[in-house]
Amino acid sequence: MEILEYVLIAVLILSALAIVAVVLFQKSNDEGLSGAISGGADTFYGRDKTAHTEKILFKWTIIAGIVFSVAVLAVYIIQPDYAEGFKLDDWMSEYLNEYSHIFN
């Protein structure tokens, strides 16, 4: 079960990084003054290339988001129930007895 947890955590980290990277590569809808000055993307070929790239980046954002969501749900399902199995008093008595010579 530990291996599955490590794999899911790796999937979470990689999908989170993928979401960040893909969103950063996407072009903003508000070009501001740079779109008015440059005007280079308004050519016939530039417009098609930009639209195709935006569709691909949008699709990868959706895929990475779905992978991230499924991995989060899987980690939640397989995680142990610490509320039932972890008693603070038991832990303290066990470890304080082992290290009691340090505190005396």
PDB file of N, CA and C in Angstrom:
ATOM      1  N   MET A   1       0.819  -1.187   0.000  1.00  0.00           N
ATOM      2  CA  MET A   1       0.000   0.000   0.000  1.00  0.00           C
ATOM      3  C   MET A   1       0.866   1.255   0.000  1.00  0.00           C
ATOM      4  N   GLU A   2       2.043   1.180   0.601  1.00  0.00           N
ATOM      5  CA  GLU A   2       2.921   2.359   0.630  1.00  0.00           C
ATOM      6  C   GLU A   2       3.385   2.741  -0.767  1.00  0.00           C
ATOM      7  N   ILE A   3       3.645   1.746  -1.600  1.00  0.00           N
ATOM      8  CA  ILE A   3       4.108   2.044  -2.955  1.00  0.00           C
ATOM      9  C   ILE A   3       3.029   2.790  -3.727  1.00  0.00           C
ATOM     10  N   LEU A   4       1.779   2.365  -3.556  1.00  0.00           N
ATOM     11  CA  LEU A   4       0.676   3.047  -4.225  1.00  0.00           C
ATOM     12  C   LEU A   4       0.561   4.494  -3.754  1.00  0.00           C
ATOM     13  N   GLU A   5       0.767   4.729  -2.467  1.00  0.00           N
ATOM     14  CA  GLU A   5       0.727   6.104  -1.952  1.00  0.00           C
ATOM     15  C   GLU A   5       1.826   6.954  -2.573  1.00  0.00           C
ATOM     16  N   TYR A   6       3.030   6.407  -2.672  1.00  0.00           N
ATOM     17  CA  TYR A   6       4.141   7.159  -3.267  1.00  0.00           C
ATOM     18  C   TYR A   6       3.890   7.432  -4.753  1.00  0.00           C
ATOM     19  N   VAL A   7       3.328   6.469  -5.438  1.00  0.00           N
ATOM     20  CA  VAL A   7       3.021   6.670  -6.858  1.00  0.00           C
ATOM     21  C   VAL A   7       1.963   7.753  -7.016  1.00  0.00           C
ATOM     22  N   LEU A   8       0.933   7.710  -6.184  1.00  0.00           N
ATOM     23  CA  LEU A   8      -0.121   8.721  -6.279  1.00  0.00           C
ATOM     24  C   LEU A   8       0.387  10.111  -5.906  1.00  0.00           C
ATOM     25  N   ILE A   9       1.268  10.184  -4.943  1.00  0.00           N
ATOM     26  CA  ILE A   9       1.848  11.483  -4.588  1.00  0.00           C
ATOM     27  C   ILE A   9       2.690  12.021  -5.740  1.00  0.00           C
ATOM     28  N   ALA A  10       3.440  11.130  -6.401  1.00  0.00           N
ATOM     29  CA  ALA A  10       4.221  11.554  -7.565  1.00  0.00           C
ATOM     30  C   ALA A  10       3.299  12.032  -8.686  1.00  0.00           C
ATOM     31  N   VAL A  11       2.188  11.326  -8.891  1.00  0.00           N
ATOM     32  CA  VAL A  11       1.221  11.740  -9.909  1.00  0.00           C
ATOM     33  C   VAL A  11       0.633  13.104  -9.550  1.00  0.00           C
ATOM     34  N   LEU A  12       0.337  13.317  -8.269  1.00  0.00           N
ATOM     35  CA  LEU A  12      -0.185  14.615  -7.836  1.00  0.00           C
ATOM     36  C   LEU A  12       0.803  15.740  -8.125  1.00  0.00           C
ATOM     37  N   ILE A  13       2.051  15.528  -7.775  1.00  0.00           N
ATOM     38  CA  ILE A  13       3.065  16.568  -7.983  1.00  0.00           C
ATOM     39  C   ILE A  13       3.251  16.848  -9.469  1.00  0.00           C
ATOM     40  N   LEU A  14       3.361  15.787 -10.273  1.00  0.00           N
ATOM     41  CA  LEU A  14       3.565  15.987 -11.709  1.00  0.00           C
ATOM     42  C   LEU A  14       2.356  16.639 -12.378  1.00  0.00           C
ATOM     43  N   SER A  15       1.157  16.237 -11.974  1.00  0.00           N
ATOM     44  CA  SER A  15      -0.018  16.862 -12.590  1.00  0.00           C
ATOM     45  C   SER A  15      -0.177  18.317 -12.147  1.00  0.00           C
ATOM     46  N   ALA A  16       0.187  18.620 -10.904  1.00  0.00           N
ATOM     47  CA  ALA A  16       0.137  20.012 -10.454  1.00  0.00           C
ATOM     48  C   ALA A  16       1.128  20.869 -11.227  1.00  0.00           C
ATOM     49  N   LEU A  17       2.329  20.347 -11.425  1.00  0.00           N
ATOM     50  CA  LEU A  17       3.320  21.080 -12.221  1.00  0.00           C
ATOM     51  C   LEU A  17       2.869  21.231 -13.670  1.00  0.00           C
ATOM     52  N   ALA A  18       2.222  20.198 -14.202  1.00  0.00           N
ATOM     53  CA  ALA A  18       1.715  20.279 -15.575  1.00  0.00           C
ATOM     54  C   ALA A  18       0.630  21.342 -15.690  1.00  0.00           C
ATOM     55  N   ILE A  19      -0.259  21.412 -14.698  1.00  0.00           N
ATOM     56  CA  ILE A  19      -1.309  22.431 -14.726  1.00  0.00           C
ATOM     57  C   ILE A  19      -0.690  23.829 -14.703  1.00  0.00           C
ATOM     58  N   VAL A  20       0.276  24.029 -13.833  1.00  0.00           N
ATOM     59  CA  VAL A  20       0.926  25.345 -13.742  1.00  0.00           C
ATOM     60  C   VAL A  20       1.609  25.696 -15.054  1.00  0.00           C
ATOM     61  N   ALA A  21       2.349  24.738 -15.626  1.00  0.00           N
ATOM     62  CA  ALA A  21       3.083  25.010 -16.865  1.00  0.00           C
ATOM     63  C   ALA A  21       2.136  25.297 -18.030  1.00  0.00           C
ATOM     64  N   VAL A  22       1.100  24.489 -18.168  1.00  0.00           N
ATOM     65  CA  VAL A  22       0.175  24.675 -19.296  1.00  0.00           C
ATOM     66  C   VAL A  22      -0.588  25.986 -19.171  1.00  0.00           C
ATOM     67  N   VAL A  23      -0.982  26.332 -17.967  1.00  0.00           N
ATOM     68  CA  VAL A  23      -1.704  27.602 -17.784  1.00  0.00           C
ATOM     69  C   VAL A  23      -0.779  28.789 -18.069  1.00  0.00           C
ATOM     70  N   LEU A  24       0.485  28.671 -17.680  1.00  0.00           N
ATOM     71  CA  LEU A  24       1.419  29.767 -17.959  1.00  0.00           C
ATOM     72  C   LEU A  24       1.715  29.915 -19.449  1.00  0.00           C
ATOM     73  N   PHE A  25       1.630  28.823 -20.202  1.00  0.00           N
ATOM     74  CA  PHE A  25       1.864  28.899 -21.643  1.00  0.00           C
ATOM     75  C   PHE A  25       0.678  29.482 -22.399  1.00  0.00           C
ATOM     76  N   GLN A  26      -0.486  29.472 -21.790  1.00  0.00           N
ATOM     77  CA  GLN A  26      -1.659  29.985 -22.483  1.00  0.00           C
ATOM     78  C   GLN A  26      -1.591  31.495 -22.611  1.00  0.00           C
ATOM     79  N   LYS A  27      -2.108  31.962 -23.713  1.00  0.00           N
ATOM     80  CA  LYS A  27      -2.097  33.386 -23.994  1.00  0.00           C
ATOM     81  C   LYS A  27      -3.308  34.044 -23.345  1.00  0.00           C
ATOM     82  N   SER A  28      -3.108  35.214 -22.808  1.00  0.00           N
ATOM     83  CA  SER A  28      -4.198  35.956 -22.179  1.00  0.00           C
ATOM     84  C   SER A  28      -5.149  36.480 -23.250  1.00  0.00           C
ATOM     85  N   ASN A  29      -6.426  36.535 -22.915  1.00  0.00           N
ATOM     86  CA  ASN A  29      -7.406  37.092 -23.857  1.00  0.00           C
ATOM     87  C   ASN A  29      -7.274  38.598 -23.974  1.00  0.00           C
ATOM     88  N   ASP A  30      -6.784  39.244 -22.933  1.00  0.00           N
ATOM     89  CA  ASP A  30      -6.605  40.682 -22.928  1.00  0.00           C
ATOM     90  C   ASP A  30      -5.176  40.994 -23.341  1.00  0.00           C
ATOM     91  N   GLU A  31      -4.971  41.378 -24.596  1.00  0.00           N
ATOM     92  CA  GLU A  31      -3.626  41.654 -25.095  1.00  0.00           C
ATOM     93  C   GLU A  31      -3.112  43.016 -24.667  1.00  0.00           C
ATOM     94  N   GLY A  32      -3.991  43.911 -24.333  1.00  0.00           N
ATOM     95  CA  GLY A  32      -3.563  45.241 -23.934  1.00  0.00           C
ATOM     96  C   GLY A  32      -2.984  46.020 -25.107  1.00  0.00           C
ATOM     97  N   LEU A  33      -1.979  46.830 -24.834  1.00  0.00           N
ATOM     98  CA  LEU A  33      -1.383  47.682 -25.852  1.00  0.00           C
ATOM     99  C   LEU A  33      -0.455  46.911 -26.781  1.00  0.00           C
ATOM    100  N   SER A  34       0.090  45.783 -26.317  1.00  0.00           N
ATOM    101  CA  SER A  34       1.037  45.040 -27.152  1.00  0.00           C
ATOM    102  C   SER A  34       0.368  44.480 -28.402  1.00  0.00           C
ATOM    103  N   GLY A  35      -0.913  44.108 -28.325  1.00  0.00           N
ATOM    104  CA  GLY A  35      -1.613  43.607 -29.505  1.00  0.00           C
ATOM    105  C   GLY A  35      -1.852  44.696 -30.529  1.00  0.00           C
ATOM    106  N   ALA A  36      -2.058  45.898 -30.074  1.00  0.00           N
ATOM    107  CA  ALA A  36      -2.299  47.006 -30.998  1.00  0.00           C
ATOM    108  C   ALA A  36      -1.017  47.457 -31.677  1.00  0.00           C
ATOM    109  N   ILE A  37       0.091  47.379 -30.966  1.00  0.00           N
ATOM    110  CA  ILE A  37       1.356  47.846 -31.527  1.00  0.00           C
ATOM    111  C   ILE A  37       1.946  46.814 -32.479  1.00  0.00           C
ATOM    112  N   SER A  38       2.045  45.556 -32.022  1.00  0.00           N
ATOM    113  CA  SER A  38       2.734  44.562 -32.843  1.00  0.00           C
ATOM    114  C   SER A  38       1.875  44.126 -34.022  1.00  0.00           C
ATOM    115  N   GLY A  39       0.679  43.643 -33.764  1.00  0.00           N
ATOM    116  CA  GLY A  39      -0.212  43.244 -34.847  1.00  0.00           C
ATOM    117  C   GLY A  39       0.279  42.060 -35.639  1.00  0.00           C
ATOM    118  N   GLY A  40       1.342  41.394 -35.216  1.00  0.00           N
ATOM    119  CA  GLY A  40       1.922  40.295 -35.978  1.00  0.00           C
ATOM    120  C   GLY A  40       1.052  39.056 -35.989  1.00  0.00           C
ATOM    121  N   ALA A  41       0.286  38.821 -34.964  1.00  0.00           N
ATOM    122  CA  ALA A  41      -0.536  37.615 -34.896  1.00  0.00           C
ATOM    123  C   ALA A  41      -1.835  37.770 -35.670  1.00  0.00           C
ATOM    124  N   ASP A  42      -2.077  38.945 -36.251  1.00  0.00           N
ATOM    125  CA  ASP A  42      -3.315  39.164 -36.972  1.00  0.00           C
ATOM    126  C   ASP A  42      -3.226  38.756 -38.431  1.00  0.00           C
ATOM    127  N   THR A  43      -2.114  38.193 -38.840  1.00  0.00           N
ATOM    128  CA  THR A  43      -2.015  37.722 -40.209  1.00  0.00           C
ATOM    129  C   THR A  43      -2.814  36.442 -40.353  1.00  0.00           C
ATOM    130  N   PHE A  44      -3.018  36.026 -41.578  1.00  0.00           N
ATOM    131  CA  PHE A  44      -3.815  34.827 -41.836  1.00  0.00           C
ATOM    132  C   PHE A  44      -3.188  33.586 -41.214  1.00  0.00           C
ATOM    133  N   TYR A  45      -1.893  33.405 -41.376  1.00  0.00           N
ATOM    134  CA  TYR A  45      -1.234  32.202 -40.866  1.00  0.00           C
ATOM    135  C   TYR A  45      -1.029  32.270 -39.354  1.00  0.00           C
ATOM    136  N   GLY A  46      -0.743  33.421 -38.818  1.00  0.00           N
ATOM    137  CA  GLY A  46      -0.528  33.566 -37.379  1.00  0.00           C
ATOM    138  C   GLY A  46      -1.790  33.296 -36.572  1.00  0.00           C
ATOM    139  N   ARG A  47      -2.928  33.684 -37.103  1.00  0.00           N
ATOM    140  CA  ARG A  47      -4.186  33.487 -36.400  1.00  0.00           C
ATOM    141  C   ARG A  47      -4.528  32.000 -36.303  1.00  0.00           C
ATOM    142  N   ASP A  48      -4.340  31.259 -37.373  1.00  0.00           N
ATOM    143  CA  ASP A  48      -4.619  29.821 -37.356  1.00  0.00           C
ATOM    144  C   ASP A  48      -3.693  29.089 -36.400  1.00  0.00           C
ATOM    145  N   LYS A  49      -2.433  29.442 -36.421  1.00  0.00           N
ATOM    146  CA  LYS A  49      -1.463  28.765 -35.564  1.00  0.00           C
ATOM    147  C   LYS A  49      -1.764  29.040 -34.088  1.00  0.00           C
ATOM    148  N   THR A  50      -2.127  30.262 -33.761  1.00  0.00           N
ATOM    149  CA  THR A  50      -2.440  30.618 -32.383  1.00  0.00           C
ATOM    150  C   THR A  50      -3.701  29.902 -31.913  1.00  0.00           C
ATOM    151  N   ALA A  51      -4.718  29.834 -32.744  1.00  0.00           N
ATOM    152  CA  ALA A  51      -5.961  29.173 -32.365  1.00  0.00           C
ATOM    153  C   ALA A  51      -5.736  27.685 -32.137  1.00  0.00           C
ATOM    154  N   HIS A  52      -4.928  27.061 -32.986  1.00  0.00           N
ATOM    155  CA  HIS A  52      -4.635  25.628 -32.833  1.00  0.00           C
ATOM    156  C   HIS A  52      -3.847  25.380 -31.550  1.00  0.00           C
ATOM    157  N   THR A  53      -2.869  26.204 -31.264  1.00  0.00           N
ATOM    158  CA  THR A  53      -2.070  26.055 -30.045  1.00  0.00           C
ATOM    159  C   THR A  53      -2.930  26.257 -28.807  1.00  0.00           C
ATOM    160  N   GLU A  54      -3.831  27.231 -28.853  1.00  0.00           N
ATOM    161  CA  GLU A  54      -4.714  27.475 -27.720  1.00  0.00           C
ATOM    162  C   GLU A  54      -5.641  26.292 -27.459  1.00  0.00           C
ATOM    163  N   LYS A  55      -6.134  25.660 -28.509  1.00  0.00           N
ATOM    164  CA  LYS A  55      -6.995  24.489 -28.342  1.00  0.00           C
ATOM    165  C   LYS A  55      -6.230  23.336 -27.694  1.00  0.00           C
ATOM    166  N   ILE A  56      -4.999  23.130 -28.127  1.00  0.00           N
ATOM    167  CA  ILE A  56      -4.175  22.054 -27.566  1.00  0.00           C
ATOM    168  C   ILE A  56      -3.867  22.331 -26.100  1.00  0.00           C
ATOM    169  N   LEU A  57      -3.493  23.567 -25.776  1.00  0.00           N
ATOM    170  CA  LEU A  57      -3.191  23.906 -24.385  1.00  0.00           C
ATOM    171  C   LEU A  57      -4.432  23.799 -23.503  1.00  0.00           C
ATOM    172  N   PHE A  58      -5.586  24.181 -24.028  1.00  0.00           N
ATOM    173  CA  PHE A  58      -6.828  24.056 -23.267  1.00  0.00           C
ATOM    174  C   PHE A  58      -7.145  22.591 -22.990  1.00  0.00           C
ATOM    175  N   LYS A  59      -6.950  21.750 -24.005  1.00  0.00           N
ATOM    176  CA  LYS A  59      -7.214  20.321 -23.847  1.00  0.00           C
ATOM    177  C   LYS A  59      -6.276  19.717 -22.799  1.00  0.00           C
ATOM    178  N   TRP A  60      -4.999  20.088 -22.817  1.00  0.00           N
ATOM    179  CA  TRP A  60      -4.053  19.556 -21.837  1.00  0.00           C
ATOM    180  C   TRP A  60      -4.319  20.085 -20.432  1.00  0.00           C
ATOM    181  N   THR A  61      -4.857  21.276 -20.328  1.00  0.00           N
ATOM    182  CA  THR A  61      -5.247  21.795 -19.015  1.00  0.00           C
ATOM    183  C   THR A  61      -6.377  20.964 -18.425  1.00  0.00           C
ATOM    184  N   ILE A  62      -7.356  20.632 -19.243  1.00  0.00           N
ATOM    185  CA  ILE A  62      -8.476  19.806 -18.789  1.00  0.00           C
ATOM    186  C   ILE A  62      -7.985  18.413 -18.388  1.00  0.00           C
ATOM    187  N   ILE A  63      -7.119  17.813 -19.193  1.00  0.00           N
ATOM    188  CA  ILE A  63      -6.599  16.474 -18.896  1.00  0.00           C
ATOM    189  C   ILE A  63      -5.808  16.477 -17.594  1.00  0.00           C
ATOM    190  N   ALA A  64      -4.936  17.454 -17.424  1.00  0.00           N
ATOM    191  CA  ALA A  64      -4.126  17.530 -16.199  1.00  0.00           C
ATOM    192  C   ALA A  64      -5.017  17.779 -14.983  1.00  0.00           C
ATOM    193  N   GLY A  65      -6.057  18.568 -15.134  1.00  0.00           N
ATOM    194  CA  GLY A  65      -6.987  18.812 -14.032  1.00  0.00           C
ATOM    195  C   GLY A  65      -7.748  17.559 -13.636  1.00  0.00           C
ATOM    196  N   ILE A  66      -8.157  16.773 -14.613  1.00  0.00           N
ATOM    197  CA  ILE A  66      -8.864  15.523 -14.324  1.00  0.00           C
ATOM    198  C   ILE A  66      -7.935  14.526 -13.637  1.00  0.00           C
ATOM    199  N   VAL A  67      -6.707  14.405 -14.132  1.00  0.00           N
ATOM    200  CA  VAL A  67      -5.726  13.500 -13.508  1.00  0.00           C
ATOM    201  C   VAL A  67      -5.460  13.929 -12.069  1.00  0.00           C
ATOM    202  N   PHE A  68      -5.309  15.221 -11.840  1.00  0.00           N
ATOM    203  CA  PHE A  68      -5.072  15.737 -10.503  1.00  0.00           C
ATOM    204  C   PHE A  68      -6.256  15.421  -9.580  1.00  0.00           C
ATOM    205  N   SER A  69      -7.466  15.637 -10.067  1.00  0.00           N
ATOM    206  CA  SER A  69      -8.662  15.383  -9.249  1.00  0.00           C
ATOM    207  C   SER A  69      -8.804  13.909  -8.904  1.00  0.00           C
ATOM    208  N   VAL A  70      -8.572  13.037  -9.865  1.00  0.00           N
ATOM    209  CA  VAL A  70      -8.676  11.599  -9.613  1.00  0.00           C
ATOM    210  C   VAL A  70      -7.601  11.155  -8.619  1.00  0.00           C
ATOM    211  N   ALA A  71      -6.394  11.697  -8.752  1.00  0.00           N
ATOM    212  CA  ALA A  71      -5.318  11.331  -7.826  1.00  0.00           C
ATOM    213  C   ALA A  71      -5.625  11.814  -6.408  1.00  0.00           C
ATOM    214  N   VAL A  72      -6.195  12.994  -6.271  1.00  0.00           N
ATOM    215  CA  VAL A  72      -6.569  13.495  -4.942  1.00  0.00           C
ATOM    216  C   VAL A  72      -7.625  12.598  -4.313  1.00  0.00           C
ATOM    217  N   LEU A  73      -8.627  12.203  -5.077  1.00  0.00           N
ATOM    218  CA  LEU A  73      -9.654  11.312  -4.553  1.00  0.00           C
ATOM    219  C   LEU A  73      -9.068   9.951  -4.171  1.00  0.00           C
ATOM    220  N   ALA A  74      -8.162   9.422  -4.975  1.00  0.00           N
ATOM    221  CA  ALA A  74      -7.548   8.129  -4.680  1.00  0.00           C
ATOM    222  C   ALA A  74      -6.713   8.202  -3.406  1.00  0.00           C
ATOM    223  N   VAL A  75      -5.948   9.279  -3.237  1.00  0.00           N
ATOM    224  CA  VAL A  75      -5.156   9.432  -2.014  1.00  0.00           C
ATOM    225  C   VAL A  75      -6.076   9.541  -0.808  1.00  0.00           C
ATOM    226  N   TYR A  76      -7.173  10.250  -0.940  1.00  0.00           N
ATOM    227  CA  TYR A  76      -8.122  10.385   0.165  1.00  0.00           C
ATOM    228  C   TYR A  76      -8.734   9.032   0.536  1.00  0.00           C
ATOM    229  N   ILE A  77      -9.042   8.225  -0.457  1.00  0.00           N
ATOM    230  CA  ILE A  77      -9.672   6.936  -0.207  1.00  0.00           C
ATOM    231  C   ILE A  77      -8.710   5.956   0.458  1.00  0.00           C
ATOM    232  N   ILE A  78      -7.440   5.924   0.028  1.00  0.00           N
ATOM    233  CA  ILE A  78      -6.521   4.919   0.554  1.00  0.00           C
ATOM    234  C   ILE A  78      -5.785   5.362   1.810  1.00  0.00           C
ATOM    235  N   GLN A  79      -5.923   6.609   2.197  1.00  0.00           N
ATOM    236  CA  GLN A  79      -5.202   7.050   3.388  1.00  0.00           C
ATOM    237  C   GLN A  79      -5.753   6.369   4.630  1.00  0.00           C
ATOM    238  N   PRO A  80      -4.897   6.100   5.596  1.00  0.00           N
ATOM    239  CA  PRO A  80      -5.390   5.477   6.826  1.00  0.00           C
ATOM    240  C   PRO A  80      -6.229   6.453   7.645  1.00  0.00           C
ATOM    241  N   ASP A  81      -7.096   5.904   8.470  1.00  0.00           N
ATOM    242  CA  ASP A  81      -7.957   6.721   9.314  1.00  0.00           C
ATOM    243  C   ASP A  81      -7.224   7.006  10.623  1.00  0.00           C
ATOM    244  N   TYR A  82      -6.607   8.154  10.703  1.00  0.00           N
ATOM    245  CA  TYR A  82      -5.812   8.497  11.882  1.00  0.00           C
ATOM    246  C   TYR A  82      -6.675   8.798  13.102  1.00  0.00           C
ATOM    247  N   ALA A  83      -7.911   9.155  12.904  1.00  0.00           N
ATOM    248  CA  ALA A  83      -8.783   9.469  14.042  1.00  0.00           C
ATOM    249  C   ALA A  83      -9.072   8.221  14.867  1.00  0.00           C
ATOM    250  N   GLU A  84      -9.143   7.079  14.230  1.00  0.00           N
ATOM    251  CA  GLU A  84      -9.438   5.838  14.939  1.00  0.00           C
ATOM    252  C   GLU A  84      -8.179   5.170  15.482  1.00  0.00           C
ATOM    253  N   GLY A  85      -7.080   5.243  14.764  1.00  0.00           N
ATOM    254  CA  GLY A  85      -5.912   4.451  15.125  1.00  0.00           C
ATOM    255  C   GLY A  85      -4.804   5.191  15.841  1.00  0.00           C
ATOM    256  N   PHE A  86      -4.954   6.448  16.099  1.00  0.00           N
ATOM    257  CA  PHE A  86      -3.866   7.228  16.688  1.00  0.00           C
ATOM    258  C   PHE A  86      -4.345   7.832  18.005  1.00  0.00           C
ATOM    259  N   LYS A  87      -3.748   7.392  19.071  1.00  0.00           N
ATOM    260  CA  LYS A  87      -4.070   7.922  20.401  1.00  0.00           C
ATOM    261  C   LYS A  87      -2.839   8.660  20.918  1.00  0.00           C
ATOM    262  N   LEU A  88      -2.973   9.919  21.159  1.00  0.00           N
ATOM    263  CA  LEU A  88      -1.851  10.744  21.590  1.00  0.00           C
ATOM    264  C   LEU A  88      -1.309  10.292  22.942  1.00  0.00           C
ATOM    265  N   ASP A  89      -2.169   9.875  23.849  1.00  0.00           N
ATOM    266  CA  ASP A  89      -1.705   9.433  25.162  1.00  0.00           C
ATOM    267  C   ASP A  89      -0.844   8.180  25.063  1.00  0.00           C
ATOM    268  N   ASP A  90      -1.232   7.242  24.196  1.00  0.00           N
ATOM    269  CA  ASP A  90      -0.439   6.031  24.004  1.00  0.00           C
ATOM    270  C   ASP A  90       0.927   6.372  23.427  1.00  0.00           C
ATOM    271  N   TRP A  91       0.948   7.250  22.465  1.00  0.00           N
ATOM    272  CA  TRP A  91       2.212   7.638  21.839  1.00  0.00           C
ATOM    273  C   TRP A  91       3.127   8.323  22.845  1.00  0.00           C
ATOM    274  N   MET A  92       2.562   9.224  23.632  1.00  0.00           N
ATOM    275  CA  MET A  92       3.378   9.947  24.601  1.00  0.00           C
ATOM    276  C   MET A  92       3.941   9.010  25.661  1.00  0.00           C
ATOM    277  N   SER A  93       3.135   8.100  26.161  1.00  0.00           N
ATOM    278  CA  SER A  93       3.628   7.193  27.203  1.00  0.00           C
ATOM    279  C   SER A  93       4.680   6.255  26.644  1.00  0.00           C
ATOM    280  N   GLU A  94       4.529   5.815  25.407  1.00  0.00           N
ATOM    281  CA  GLU A  94       5.500   4.903  24.804  1.00  0.00           C
ATOM    282  C   GLU A  94       6.844   5.593  24.590  1.00  0.00           C
ATOM    283  N   TYR A  95       6.849   6.769  24.012  1.00  0.00           N
ATOM    284  CA  TYR A  95       8.095   7.438  23.686  1.00  0.00           C
ATOM    285  C   TYR A  95       8.705   8.171  24.876  1.00  0.00           C
ATOM    286  N   LEU A  96       7.902   8.636  25.791  1.00  0.00           N
ATOM    287  CA  LEU A  96       8.462   9.292  26.968  1.00  0.00           C
ATOM    288  C   LEU A  96       9.149   8.279  27.882  1.00  0.00           C
ATOM    289  N   ASN A  97       8.651   7.054  27.917  1.00  0.00           N
ATOM    290  CA  ASN A  97       9.326   6.027  28.706  1.00  0.00           C
ATOM    291  C   ASN A  97      10.686   5.676  28.113  1.00  0.00           C
ATOM    292  N   GLU A  98      10.785   5.670  26.782  1.00  0.00           N
ATOM    293  CA  GLU A  98      12.055   5.354  26.134  1.00  0.00           C
ATOM    294  C   GLU A  98      13.094   6.451  26.373  1.00  0.00           C
ATOM    295  N   TYR A  99      12.662   7.690  26.402  1.00  0.00           N
ATOM    296  CA  TYR A  99      13.587   8.813  26.516  1.00  0.00           C
ATOM    297  C   TYR A  99      13.503   9.500  27.880  1.00  0.00           C
ATOM    298  N   SER A 100      13.008   8.808  28.865  1.00  0.00           N
ATOM    299  CA  SER A 100      12.855   9.421  30.194  1.00  0.00           C
ATOM    300  C   SER A 100      14.207   9.741  30.833  1.00  0.00           C
ATOM    301  N   HIS A 101      15.258   9.006  30.468  1.00  0.00           N
ATOM    302  CA  HIS A 101      16.569   9.291  31.039  1.00  0.00           C
ATOM    303  C   HIS A 101      17.103  10.660  30.585  1.00  0.00           C
ATOM    304  N   ILE A 102      16.616  11.155  29.472  1.00  0.00           N
ATOM    305  CA  ILE A 102      17.050  12.465  28.971  1.00  0.00           C
ATOM    306  C   ILE A 102      16.427  13.563  29.838  1.00  0.00           C
ATOM    307  N   PHE A 103      15.188  13.362  30.236  1.00  0.00           N
ATOM    308  CA  PHE A 103      14.466  14.405  30.945  1.00  0.00           C
ATOM    309  C   PHE A 103      14.775  14.404  32.458  1.00  0.00           C
ATOM    310  N   ASN A 104      15.411  13.367  32.976  1.00  0.00           N
ATOM    311  CA  ASN A 104      15.728  13.303  34.430  1.00  0.00           C
ATOM    312  C   ASN A 104      17.140  13.765  34.697  1.00  0.00           C
TER     313      ASN A 104
END
